[in-house]
Amino acid sequence: MERTVIKSEGHKMILIVKEFCELESKSKELLIPLKNVQMRIAAMTGVSVNTVSRITKEGKIAASTSNKITPGKSRPQTKKVDLDDFELSAIRQKIHFFYVVKKSYPR
């Protein structure tokens, strides 16, 4: 059996769910009725009902379009420039000129 790596946020979430379940166990009754699924999830995970609702909607959309949900911003990617041999040679010569001929560093 392969061990799953759980990050610190996951540890916090597990502890919050455990505490909620222990409270229900001690009181020997449900703190929130089973019909209120989103409210129970919010109480168990420590997030708002709106967050649970938003994540549920994203999950349904991802399941229907078979897209993967990834959190966070999309960051701009740096564009790579393809240089041919002539351009590489010109850059190499310019660097050589600064270091060998002028004996200084380019600024």
Protein backbone atom coordinates (compact mmCIF):
# COMPACT_ATOMS: atom_id res chain seq x y z
CA MET A 1 0.00 0.00 0.00
CA GLU A 2 1.40 3.36 -1.05
CA ARG A 3 1.58 6.14 1.52
CA THR A 4 -0.16 9.39 0.62
CA VAL A 5 1.58 12.68 1.36
CA ILE A 6 -0.77 15.12 3.06
CA LYS A 7 0.24 18.75 3.36
CA SER A 8 -0.34 20.95 6.43
CA GLU A 9 -3.73 22.23 5.20
CA GLY A 10 -4.88 18.64 4.88
CA HIS A 11 -3.73 17.89 8.43
CA LYS A 12 -5.71 20.87 9.73
CA MET A 13 -8.80 19.74 7.82
CA ILE A 14 -8.54 16.20 9.21
CA LEU A 15 -8.28 17.53 12.77
CA ILE A 16 -11.33 19.79 12.31
CA VAL A 17 -13.41 16.86 10.94
CA LYS A 18 -12.21 14.64 13.80
CA GLU A 19 -13.25 17.24 16.41
CA PHE A 20 -16.68 17.62 14.78
CA CYS A 21 -17.23 13.85 14.78
CA GLU A 22 -16.12 13.60 18.43
CA LEU A 23 -18.60 16.33 19.39
CA GLU A 24 -21.40 14.41 17.68
CA SER A 25 -20.23 11.20 19.36
CA LYS A 26 -20.23 12.81 22.83
CA SER A 27 -23.66 14.36 22.35
CA LYS A 28 -24.96 11.05 20.88
CA GLU A 29 -26.95 12.98 18.28
CA LEU A 30 -26.37 14.86 15.07
CA LEU A 31 -25.38 18.49 15.56
CA ILE A 32 -26.60 19.36 12.07
CA PRO A 33 -29.33 17.27 10.37
CA LEU A 34 -28.26 14.92 7.56
CA LYS A 35 -30.52 16.77 5.11
CA ASN A 36 -28.29 19.87 5.37
CA VAL A 37 -25.34 18.33 3.52
CA GLN A 38 -23.53 21.53 2.60
CA MET A 39 -23.93 22.95 6.09
CA ARG A 40 -22.53 19.71 7.60
CA ILE A 41 -19.57 19.78 5.22
CA ALA A 42 -18.91 23.45 6.07
CA ALA A 43 -19.03 22.71 9.81
CA MET A 44 -16.82 19.63 9.43
CA THR A 45 -14.17 21.31 7.31
CA GLY A 46 -14.19 24.78 8.86
CA VAL A 47 -14.97 26.59 5.60
CA SER A 48 -18.02 28.64 4.70
CA VAL A 49 -21.16 27.25 3.08
CA ASN A 50 -20.48 29.51 0.07
CA THR A 51 -17.05 27.91 -0.40
CA VAL A 52 -18.56 24.42 -0.22
CA SER A 53 -21.19 25.45 -2.77
CA ARG A 54 -18.59 26.94 -5.14
CA ILE A 55 -16.33 23.88 -4.94
CA THR A 56 -19.32 21.60 -5.55
CA LYS A 57 -20.27 23.56 -8.68
CA GLU A 58 -16.66 23.46 -9.94
CA GLY A 59 -16.58 19.71 -9.34
CA LYS A 60 -19.77 19.16 -11.34
CA ILE A 61 -18.44 21.25 -14.23
CA ALA A 62 -15.11 19.43 -14.17
CA ALA A 63 -16.84 16.04 -14.13
CA SER A 64 -19.05 16.91 -17.09
CA THR A 65 -16.19 18.36 -19.15
CA SER A 66 -13.54 15.96 -17.80
CA ASN A 67 -11.25 18.88 -16.93
CA LYS A 68 -8.95 18.89 -13.95
CA ILE A 69 -9.51 21.52 -11.25
CA THR A 70 -6.34 23.25 -10.10
CA PRO A 71 -6.34 25.93 -7.44
CA GLY A 72 -4.44 29.19 -7.71
CA LYS A 73 -3.81 31.80 -10.31
CA SER A 74 -2.57 31.13 -13.77
CA ARG A 75 0.75 32.86 -14.04
CA PRO A 76 2.17 34.34 -17.23
CA GLN A 77 4.80 32.11 -18.80
CA THR A 78 8.06 33.50 -20.08
CA LYS A 79 8.35 33.16 -23.82
CA LYS A 80 11.29 31.29 -25.22
CA VAL A 81 13.05 32.74 -28.23
CA ASP A 82 14.41 30.35 -30.84
CA LEU A 83 17.75 31.60 -32.13
CA ASP A 84 19.44 30.27 -35.24
CA ASP A 85 23.18 29.65 -35.55
CA PHE A 86 23.87 33.13 -36.99
CA GLU A 87 22.21 34.90 -34.05
CA LEU A 88 23.95 32.66 -31.51
CA SER A 89 27.30 33.35 -33.18
CA ALA A 90 26.67 37.11 -33.12
CA ILE A 91 25.84 37.02 -29.40
CA ARG A 92 28.88 34.86 -28.69
CA GLN A 93 31.13 37.30 -30.58
CA LYS A 94 29.73 40.29 -28.68
CA ILE A 95 30.37 38.58 -25.33
CA HIS A 96 33.88 37.61 -26.47
CA PHE A 97 34.51 41.23 -27.51
CA PHE A 98 33.62 42.54 -24.05
CA TYR A 99 35.59 39.98 -22.04
CA VAL A 100 38.73 39.56 -24.19
CA VAL A 101 39.18 42.74 -26.21
CA LYS A 102 37.77 45.47 -23.91
CA LYS A 103 38.52 43.49 -20.69
CA SER A 104 35.36 44.80 -19.08
CA TYR A 105 31.94 43.51 -18.19
CA PRO A 106 28.89 44.45 -20.27
CA ARG A 107 26.35 46.68 -18.52
